[in-house]
Amino acid sequence: MSSAAPPPHAIILAGGRGTRFWPRSRTRSPKQLLNIVGQKTMLEQTYDRLAPLFPSSQIWVVTHREQARAVSRQLRRVPSRHILTEPVGRNTAAAIGLAAVHLLRQEKGGDALMAVLPADHFIGKPARYRQIVRAALKAASQPGALVVLGIPPTRPETGYGYIERARHDKPRQSADRDRAYAIRRFAEKPSLELARKYVASGRYLWNAGMFFWRVSTFLENLERYLPKTHAALMRIAESIGTSRYAAALQREYSRLENISIDYALLEPASHDPGHARVFVIPAAIDWSDVGSWAAVYELLAKHPGANVSTGTVLALDAAGNLISSPSKFVAAVGVSDLVIVETSDALLVCSRERAQDVGRVVKWLEQHRLQKLL
C-alpha cells in the first residue's frame, strides 16, 4: 500500500429521519433538509462549509431513496451519480461502506481519503473547522490510521458518547497545532455523575460522529470486524457501473448488519493495539448536533429566558419559549419554557425539558398507522 496521500473526498451522511423535529421533520423532508437553524437547510450549510476544501466532484451524499430527489435539488452542483441512495436504512457502518466501495471503483489507484461527516450539525466556527479537517485528512493519510474529531465538553452532557484520550499519549503530529492523540476507549452515554467525572478529568471529548481514513484502511478493518457486511459490499462493488447495480444493491443491502460505525469498527479497533491505530483530534468549533427543539432554542436564544419565535407572535408575561408558527398568529400568555411548533396539519406543544421525547410521538403515529402525519 502506498503511503502517498490519495485524493480526498467528503462523504455527507444524510439518511436520518429527525423524528425529534416532528411535526416539521417528515419522512420525505427530514431535519437535514429543513432550515432548522438559519435561512439555509442543514444540508446546504454542510455543503457550504465543505466547498472551500472539496470540489463538488469530490463530494458525495448517502441518503435514503425517499429523500434523494430533495437532496439533488438542494445540492445541484454535486454530480447526480454521487448521490448514493440506500434502499433501506442500515445505520452508519453500511452507509459509509456504500460510499467506500463507490470510491474504490472510481479512483484509478483504488484508494481515496474519506472525510465522513453528518449532514445535520451546527458549527459556529466554520473557518476553524476547515483547519481541523485539513489536519484530520493529513493524519488519516497514513495507512492504517483511523481519525475522529472530538468536541471539548462544555458541560457534563449525558446525551453524547465520549472519547477518552490515552493517559500517557504522545501527539501524533507534535509539530502541528491540531494534533492527533491516541484513543484509549470510546465510552457510552454516561450518567450525570459519571459525565461530571469525565469533564473534570480533562481527558474526555464528545464523540461528534466525524471520521477520517483511507478507503483501504476502512475496508481492511471492516473485513476484520464485520466480515459479512464487507463481503456483501464487495458484491455490490462488482456491479457498480453496470445494469446489474440496482438489483445487486436491493438484494445485498438488506443483508447488511444494522449497526453504527462506532460499535462495528471504532470500538473494537481501539481495543486492538496490535492492529488498528485510532486517534482523536480535539475540535473546539462551537458545535451542536442540534438534536432537539430544545437545542435549537439554546442556539437561537439571545439571552436566558428570551423567547425565540418564527411568524407573528405576541408574548405576554411569557419567557423561555420556542414558538414556530409561520401561518397562524400565536398569543402566548403567562407560559414559560415551552416548545410550540405548528404546521398545516399538526401542532406540537411540549415543555423544553421534554423535547427529547418528541420522537415518541412519531412512534405512536407509526403504531396507529397515521401515515399522512409521518
Protein backbone atom coordinates (compact mmCIF):
# COMPACT_ATOMS: atom_id res chain seq x y z
CA MET A 1 0.00 0.00 0.00
CA SER A 2 1.39 3.41 -0.93
CA SER A 3 2.00 5.96 1.82
CA ALA A 4 1.42 8.86 -0.59
CA ALA A 5 -1.78 10.75 0.21
CA PRO A 6 -4.63 9.65 -2.08
CA PRO A 7 -7.26 12.17 -3.25
CA PRO A 8 -9.65 13.40 -0.52
CA HIS A 9 -13.44 13.05 -0.76
CA ALA A 10 -16.17 14.30 1.57
CA ILE A 11 -18.95 11.84 2.40
CA ILE A 12 -22.06 13.54 3.79
CA LEU A 13 -24.37 11.21 5.71
CA ALA A 14 -27.91 12.46 5.11
CA GLY A 15 -30.19 9.50 5.66
CA GLY A 16 -31.69 10.16 9.08
CA ARG A 17 -35.34 10.89 9.79
CA GLY A 18 -35.01 13.54 12.50
CA THR A 19 -38.03 12.29 14.44
CA ARG A 20 -37.41 14.67 17.36
CA PHE A 21 -38.17 17.57 14.97
CA TRP A 22 -41.71 16.45 14.25
CA PRO A 23 -44.04 17.96 13.09
CA ARG A 24 -41.72 19.81 10.69
CA SER A 25 -39.49 16.83 10.04
CA ARG A 26 -41.23 14.15 7.96
CA THR A 27 -40.11 11.07 6.02
CA ARG A 28 -39.61 12.98 2.75
CA SER A 29 -38.40 16.18 4.38
CA PRO A 30 -36.34 15.23 7.45
CA LYS A 31 -34.31 17.53 9.67
CA GLN A 32 -31.28 17.78 7.36
CA LEU A 33 -33.44 19.06 4.50
CA LEU A 34 -35.03 21.82 6.61
CA ASN A 35 -33.86 25.30 7.62
CA ILE A 36 -33.95 24.43 11.32
CA VAL A 37 -31.20 26.93 12.19
CA GLY A 38 -30.63 29.77 9.74
CA GLN A 39 -32.01 30.57 6.30
CA LYS A 40 -30.42 27.61 4.51
CA THR A 41 -31.14 23.97 5.21
CA MET A 42 -28.82 21.94 7.41
CA LEU A 43 -27.62 20.04 4.32
CA GLU A 44 -26.92 23.25 2.39
CA GLN A 45 -24.97 24.65 5.35
CA THR A 46 -22.91 21.45 5.50
CA TYR A 47 -22.11 21.70 1.79
CA ASP A 48 -21.13 25.38 2.13
CA ARG A 49 -18.71 24.55 4.96
CA LEU A 50 -17.03 21.88 2.85
CA ALA A 51 -16.97 23.62 -0.54
CA PRO A 52 -13.72 25.54 0.12
CA LEU A 53 -11.98 22.21 0.84
CA PHE A 54 -13.54 19.82 -1.66
CA PRO A 55 -14.60 20.46 -5.26
CA SER A 56 -18.16 19.33 -5.95
CA SER A 57 -16.75 16.42 -7.96
CA GLN A 58 -15.28 15.10 -4.68
CA ILE A 59 -18.39 15.46 -2.54
CA TRP A 60 -20.77 12.52 -2.04
CA VAL A 61 -24.05 12.17 -0.19
CA VAL A 62 -25.53 8.96 1.21
CA THR A 63 -29.27 9.23 1.76
CA HIS A 64 -32.49 7.25 1.62
CA ARG A 65 -34.19 6.84 -1.73
CA GLU A 66 -37.28 8.74 -0.47
CA GLN A 67 -35.08 11.80 0.12
CA ALA A 68 -32.77 11.54 -2.89
CA ARG A 69 -34.75 13.88 -5.13
CA ALA A 70 -34.83 16.63 -2.49
CA VAL A 71 -31.10 16.18 -1.87
CA SER A 72 -30.43 16.59 -5.60
CA ARG A 73 -32.49 19.80 -5.70
CA GLN A 74 -30.60 21.29 -2.78
CA LEU A 75 -27.13 20.25 -3.98
CA ARG A 76 -27.31 20.89 -7.72
CA ARG A 77 -23.52 21.16 -8.04
CA VAL A 78 -22.94 17.65 -6.76
CA PRO A 79 -22.95 15.10 -9.61
CA SER A 80 -26.11 13.01 -9.58
CA ARG A 81 -24.07 9.80 -9.55
CA HIS A 82 -22.54 10.98 -6.27
CA ILE A 83 -25.90 10.92 -4.50
CA LEU A 84 -25.97 7.35 -3.26
CA THR A 85 -29.34 6.01 -2.19
CA GLU A 86 -29.93 3.33 0.39
CA PRO A 87 -32.87 1.05 -0.43
CA VAL A 88 -33.34 0.50 3.31
CA GLY A 89 -31.77 2.10 6.36
CA ARG A 90 -28.90 0.07 7.82
CA ASN A 91 -27.14 2.58 10.10
CA THR A 92 -23.79 4.29 9.60
CA ALA A 93 -21.48 1.31 9.05
CA ALA A 94 -23.43 0.30 5.94
CA ALA A 95 -23.83 3.88 4.67
CA ILE A 96 -20.11 4.57 4.95
CA GLY A 97 -19.37 1.21 3.36
CA LEU A 98 -21.56 2.03 0.37
CA ALA A 99 -19.59 5.23 -0.23
CA ALA A 100 -16.30 3.40 0.27
CA VAL A 101 -16.96 0.82 -2.45
CA HIS A 102 -18.02 3.52 -4.89
CA LEU A 103 -14.74 5.33 -4.26
CA LEU A 104 -12.90 2.04 -4.60
CA ARG A 105 -14.30 1.61 -8.09
CA GLN A 106 -13.93 5.24 -9.13
CA GLU A 107 -10.34 6.01 -8.15
CA LYS A 108 -7.75 4.60 -10.53
CA GLY A 109 -5.42 3.64 -7.71
CA GLY A 110 -8.24 2.00 -5.80
CA ASP A 111 -7.78 4.27 -2.79
CA ALA A 112 -9.01 7.62 -1.53
CA LEU A 113 -9.22 9.64 1.65
CA MET A 114 -12.68 9.75 3.23
CA ALA A 115 -13.97 12.59 5.39
CA VAL A 116 -17.24 11.19 6.77
CA LEU A 117 -19.47 13.98 8.09
CA PRO A 118 -23.08 14.36 9.30
CA ALA A 119 -25.48 16.49 7.27
CA ASP A 120 -27.39 17.95 10.21
CA HIS A 121 -24.95 19.52 12.68
CA PHE A 122 -24.36 23.16 13.53
CA ILE A 123 -20.79 24.51 13.50
CA GLY A 124 -20.37 28.09 14.60
CA LYS A 125 -16.72 28.40 13.59
CA PRO A 126 -16.55 27.11 10.01
CA ALA A 127 -13.10 28.53 9.21
CA ARG A 128 -11.58 26.88 12.27
CA TYR A 129 -13.44 23.70 11.40
CA ARG A 130 -11.84 23.62 7.95
CA GLN A 131 -8.39 23.97 9.51
CA ILE A 132 -9.08 20.93 11.68
CA VAL A 133 -10.48 18.95 8.75
CA ARG A 134 -7.22 19.58 6.86
CA ALA A 135 -5.26 18.30 9.85
CA ALA A 136 -7.50 15.25 10.14
CA LEU A 137 -7.03 14.41 6.46
CA LYS A 138 -3.28 14.70 6.87
CA ALA A 139 -3.31 12.34 9.86
CA ALA A 140 -5.66 9.92 8.11
CA SER A 141 -3.47 9.76 5.01
CA GLN A 142 -1.15 7.40 6.86
CA PRO A 143 -2.04 3.77 6.09
CA GLY A 144 -3.87 2.12 8.98
CA ALA A 145 -4.88 5.35 10.75
CA LEU A 146 -8.46 5.93 11.90
CA VAL A 147 -9.07 9.53 12.96
CA VAL A 148 -12.10 11.04 14.69
CA LEU A 149 -12.92 14.57 15.82
CA GLY A 150 -13.71 15.08 19.49
CA ILE A 151 -15.51 18.11 20.87
CA PRO A 152 -14.09 19.53 24.14
CA PRO A 153 -17.07 19.26 26.53
CA THR A 154 -18.59 22.47 27.84
CA ARG A 155 -20.85 20.75 30.38
CA PRO A 156 -21.45 17.26 31.84
CA GLU A 157 -23.71 16.15 28.98
CA THR A 158 -25.47 12.77 29.33
CA GLY A 159 -26.80 12.65 25.78
CA TYR A 160 -23.47 12.15 23.97
CA GLY A 161 -20.94 9.37 23.76
CA TYR A 162 -17.43 10.22 24.94
CA ILE A 163 -13.89 9.53 23.72
CA GLU A 164 -11.12 9.07 26.27
CA ARG A 165 -7.59 10.06 25.26
CA ALA A 166 -4.84 7.72 26.35
CA ARG A 167 -3.41 8.75 29.74
CA HIS A 168 0.20 8.91 28.62
CA ASP A 169 -0.38 9.58 24.96
CA LYS A 170 2.01 11.48 22.79
CA PRO A 171 0.61 13.64 19.99
CA ARG A 172 0.83 12.02 16.58
CA GLN A 173 1.74 15.33 14.96
CA SER A 174 3.89 17.08 17.54
CA ALA A 175 4.73 19.99 15.24
CA ASP A 176 1.14 20.73 14.29
CA ARG A 177 -1.38 22.88 16.10
CA ASP A 178 -4.17 20.34 15.61
CA ARG A 179 -2.62 17.21 16.98
CA ALA A 180 -3.96 13.69 16.79
CA TYR A 181 -3.92 11.88 20.13
CA ALA A 182 -4.16 8.15 20.75
CA ILE A 183 -7.58 6.98 21.90
CA ARG A 184 -7.86 4.79 24.99
CA ARG A 185 -11.54 3.94 24.59
CA PHE A 186 -14.99 5.02 23.46
CA ALA A 187 -17.47 5.46 26.32
CA GLU A 188 -21.25 5.07 26.25
CA LYS A 189 -23.63 7.89 27.15
CA PRO A 190 -22.92 8.30 30.88
CA SER A 191 -24.95 9.07 33.97
CA LEU A 192 -24.77 12.67 35.18
CA GLU A 193 -22.35 11.73 37.97
CA LEU A 194 -20.05 9.94 35.54
CA ALA A 195 -20.29 12.76 33.00
CA ARG A 196 -19.08 15.19 35.68
CA LYS A 197 -16.06 12.98 36.32
CA TYR A 198 -15.34 12.79 32.59
CA VAL A 199 -15.37 16.58 32.22
CA ALA A 200 -13.29 17.14 35.37
CA SER A 201 -10.58 14.73 34.18
CA GLY A 202 -9.76 16.76 31.08
CA ARG A 203 -9.17 13.55 29.09
CA TYR A 204 -12.65 13.11 27.61
CA LEU A 205 -14.17 14.59 24.46
CA TRP A 206 -17.64 14.35 22.98
CA ASN A 207 -17.94 11.99 20.02
CA ALA A 208 -19.30 14.18 17.20
CA GLY A 209 -19.54 11.42 14.57
CA MET A 210 -16.90 12.86 12.21
CA PHE A 211 -14.41 10.34 10.84
CA PHE A 212 -11.37 10.31 8.54
CA TRP A 213 -9.49 7.38 6.95
CA ARG A 214 -8.33 5.84 3.72
CA VAL A 215 -10.80 3.68 1.83
CA SER A 216 -8.27 0.85 2.02
CA THR A 217 -7.90 1.26 5.81
CA PHE A 218 -11.66 1.31 6.29
CA LEU A 219 -12.27 -1.78 4.17
CA GLU A 220 -9.45 -3.71 5.82
CA ASN A 221 -10.92 -3.01 9.24
CA LEU A 222 -14.44 -3.75 8.05
CA GLU A 223 -13.30 -7.13 6.76
CA ARG A 224 -11.66 -7.81 10.11
CA TYR A 225 -14.52 -6.77 12.40
CA LEU A 226 -17.64 -7.07 10.22
CA PRO A 227 -16.79 -9.68 7.57
CA LYS A 228 -20.35 -10.41 6.39
CA THR A 229 -21.02 -6.76 5.67
CA HIS A 230 -17.66 -6.46 3.93
CA ALA A 231 -18.45 -9.43 1.70
CA ALA A 232 -21.88 -8.06 0.76
CA LEU A 233 -20.41 -4.65 -0.05
CA MET A 234 -17.80 -6.26 -2.28
CA ARG A 235 -20.61 -7.96 -4.21
CA ILE A 236 -22.27 -4.56 -4.64
CA ALA A 237 -18.93 -3.13 -5.77
CA GLU A 238 -18.68 -5.65 -8.60
CA SER A 239 -21.93 -4.32 -10.08
CA ILE A 240 -21.17 -0.58 -9.89
CA GLY A 241 -21.33 0.99 -13.34
CA THR A 242 -23.33 -1.89 -14.82
CA SER A 243 -27.01 -2.56 -15.42
CA ARG A 244 -26.87 -5.03 -12.53
CA TYR A 245 -26.21 -2.38 -9.90
CA ALA A 246 -29.80 -1.57 -8.85
CA ALA A 247 -30.72 -5.22 -8.40
CA ALA A 248 -27.49 -6.02 -6.57
CA LEU A 249 -27.93 -3.06 -4.24
CA GLN A 250 -31.52 -4.02 -3.46
CA ARG A 251 -30.56 -7.64 -2.82
CA GLU A 252 -27.36 -7.18 -0.84
CA TYR A 253 -28.02 -4.02 1.14
CA SER A 254 -30.87 -5.52 3.14
CA ARG A 255 -28.45 -8.23 4.30
CA LEU A 256 -26.02 -5.77 5.89
CA GLU A 257 -25.81 -5.61 9.67
CA ASN A 258 -27.78 -2.73 11.17
CA ILE A 259 -25.01 -1.26 13.31
CA SER A 260 -23.28 2.06 13.84
CA ILE A 261 -19.69 2.59 12.76
CA ASP A 262 -18.74 3.21 16.39
CA TYR A 263 -19.87 -0.25 17.52
CA ALA A 264 -18.87 -2.02 14.32
CA LEU A 265 -15.36 -0.72 13.81
CA LEU A 266 -14.05 2.04 16.05
CA GLU A 267 -14.65 0.44 19.44
CA PRO A 268 -13.12 -2.95 18.57
CA ALA A 269 -10.25 -1.24 16.75
CA SER A 270 -9.46 0.89 19.80
CA HIS A 271 -9.13 -2.33 21.84
CA ASP A 272 -6.83 -3.93 19.27
CA PRO A 273 -3.47 -2.14 19.65
CA GLY A 274 -1.69 -4.76 17.58
CA HIS A 275 -3.77 -3.94 14.52
CA ALA A 276 -5.52 -0.58 14.14
CA ARG A 277 -4.34 2.87 15.15
CA VAL A 278 -7.17 5.08 16.37
CA PHE A 279 -6.66 8.80 17.06
CA VAL A 280 -8.71 11.82 18.07
CA ILE A 281 -8.21 15.50 17.23
CA PRO A 282 -9.84 17.98 19.66
CA ALA A 283 -12.12 20.35 17.78
CA ALA A 284 -13.33 23.49 19.54
CA ILE A 285 -15.62 24.66 16.74
CA ASP A 286 -18.79 25.85 18.52
CA TRP A 287 -20.51 22.56 17.69
CA SER A 288 -24.02 21.29 18.28
CA ASP A 289 -25.69 18.17 16.96
CA VAL A 290 -28.98 20.13 17.01
CA GLY A 291 -30.61 17.06 18.48
CA SER A 292 -33.96 18.52 19.53
CA TRP A 293 -36.11 21.62 19.56
CA ALA A 294 -34.52 22.47 22.93
CA ALA A 295 -31.11 22.53 21.22
CA VAL A 296 -32.50 24.93 18.61
CA TYR A 297 -33.69 27.21 21.39
CA GLU A 298 -30.24 27.18 23.01
CA LEU A 299 -28.61 28.13 19.72
CA LEU A 300 -31.02 30.96 18.90
CA ALA A 301 -31.88 32.49 22.27
CA LYS A 302 -30.04 35.79 22.68
CA HIS A 303 -30.08 35.52 26.47
CA PRO A 304 -31.55 33.17 29.12
CA GLY A 305 -35.31 33.45 29.25
CA ALA A 306 -35.63 35.04 25.82
CA ASN A 307 -38.47 33.93 23.57
CA VAL A 308 -37.46 32.57 20.15
CA SER A 309 -40.16 32.80 17.52
CA THR A 310 -40.94 32.38 13.83
CA GLY A 311 -44.07 34.06 12.50
CA THR A 312 -46.25 36.63 14.22
CA VAL A 313 -46.12 36.04 17.98
CA LEU A 314 -47.32 38.09 20.96
CA ALA A 315 -45.70 37.03 24.24
CA LEU A 316 -47.26 38.45 27.42
CA ASP A 317 -45.52 37.54 30.68
CA ALA A 318 -44.00 34.61 28.79
CA ALA A 319 -40.37 33.57 28.83
CA GLY A 320 -38.05 30.89 27.51
CA ASN A 321 -40.39 29.68 24.76
CA LEU A 322 -39.62 28.45 21.25
CA ILE A 323 -42.59 29.23 19.02
CA SER A 324 -42.67 28.37 15.30
CA SER A 325 -45.91 29.24 13.53
CA PRO A 326 -45.40 30.64 10.03
CA SER A 327 -49.10 30.74 9.09
CA LYS A 328 -51.01 31.49 12.31
CA PHE A 329 -50.87 34.30 14.84
CA VAL A 330 -49.84 32.99 18.26
CA ALA A 331 -50.54 34.68 21.57
CA ALA A 332 -48.53 33.19 24.44
CA VAL A 333 -49.72 34.43 27.82
CA GLY A 334 -48.12 33.50 31.13
CA VAL A 335 -46.31 30.43 29.86
CA SER A 336 -42.64 29.54 30.16
CA ASP A 337 -40.12 27.12 28.67
CA LEU A 338 -42.45 25.64 26.05
CA VAL A 339 -41.89 24.38 22.51
CA ILE A 340 -44.79 25.24 20.19
CA VAL A 341 -44.43 24.18 16.55
CA GLU A 342 -47.29 24.47 14.06
CA THR A 343 -47.60 23.05 10.56
CA SER A 344 -50.57 22.87 8.21
CA ASP A 345 -51.70 19.54 9.65
CA ALA A 346 -50.25 19.27 13.15
CA LEU A 347 -49.41 21.17 16.32
CA LEU A 348 -46.74 20.26 18.85
CA VAL A 349 -46.83 21.62 22.40
CA CYS A 350 -44.29 20.35 24.91
CA SER A 351 -42.00 21.59 27.63
CA ARG A 352 -38.45 22.32 26.54
CA GLU A 353 -37.09 19.83 29.04
CA ARG A 354 -39.18 17.08 27.39
CA ALA A 355 -38.13 17.94 23.83
CA GLN A 356 -36.15 14.69 23.54
CA ASP A 357 -39.45 12.80 23.88
CA VAL A 358 -40.93 14.18 20.66
CA GLY A 359 -39.64 11.07 18.91
CA ARG A 360 -42.15 9.07 20.95
CA VAL A 361 -44.94 10.94 19.15
CA VAL A 362 -43.62 9.61 15.84
CA LYS A 363 -43.55 6.06 17.22
CA TRP A 364 -47.19 6.47 18.32
CA LEU A 365 -48.18 7.71 14.87
CA GLU A 366 -46.41 4.72 13.31
CA GLN A 367 -48.18 2.29 15.65
CA HIS A 368 -51.53 3.79 14.73
CA ARG A 369 -50.65 3.88 11.03
CA LEU A 370 -51.28 7.59 10.65
CA GLN A 371 -49.04 7.78 7.58
CA LYS A 372 -50.27 11.20 6.49
CA LEU A 373 -48.64 12.66 9.62
CA LEU A 374 -45.31 10.91 9.03
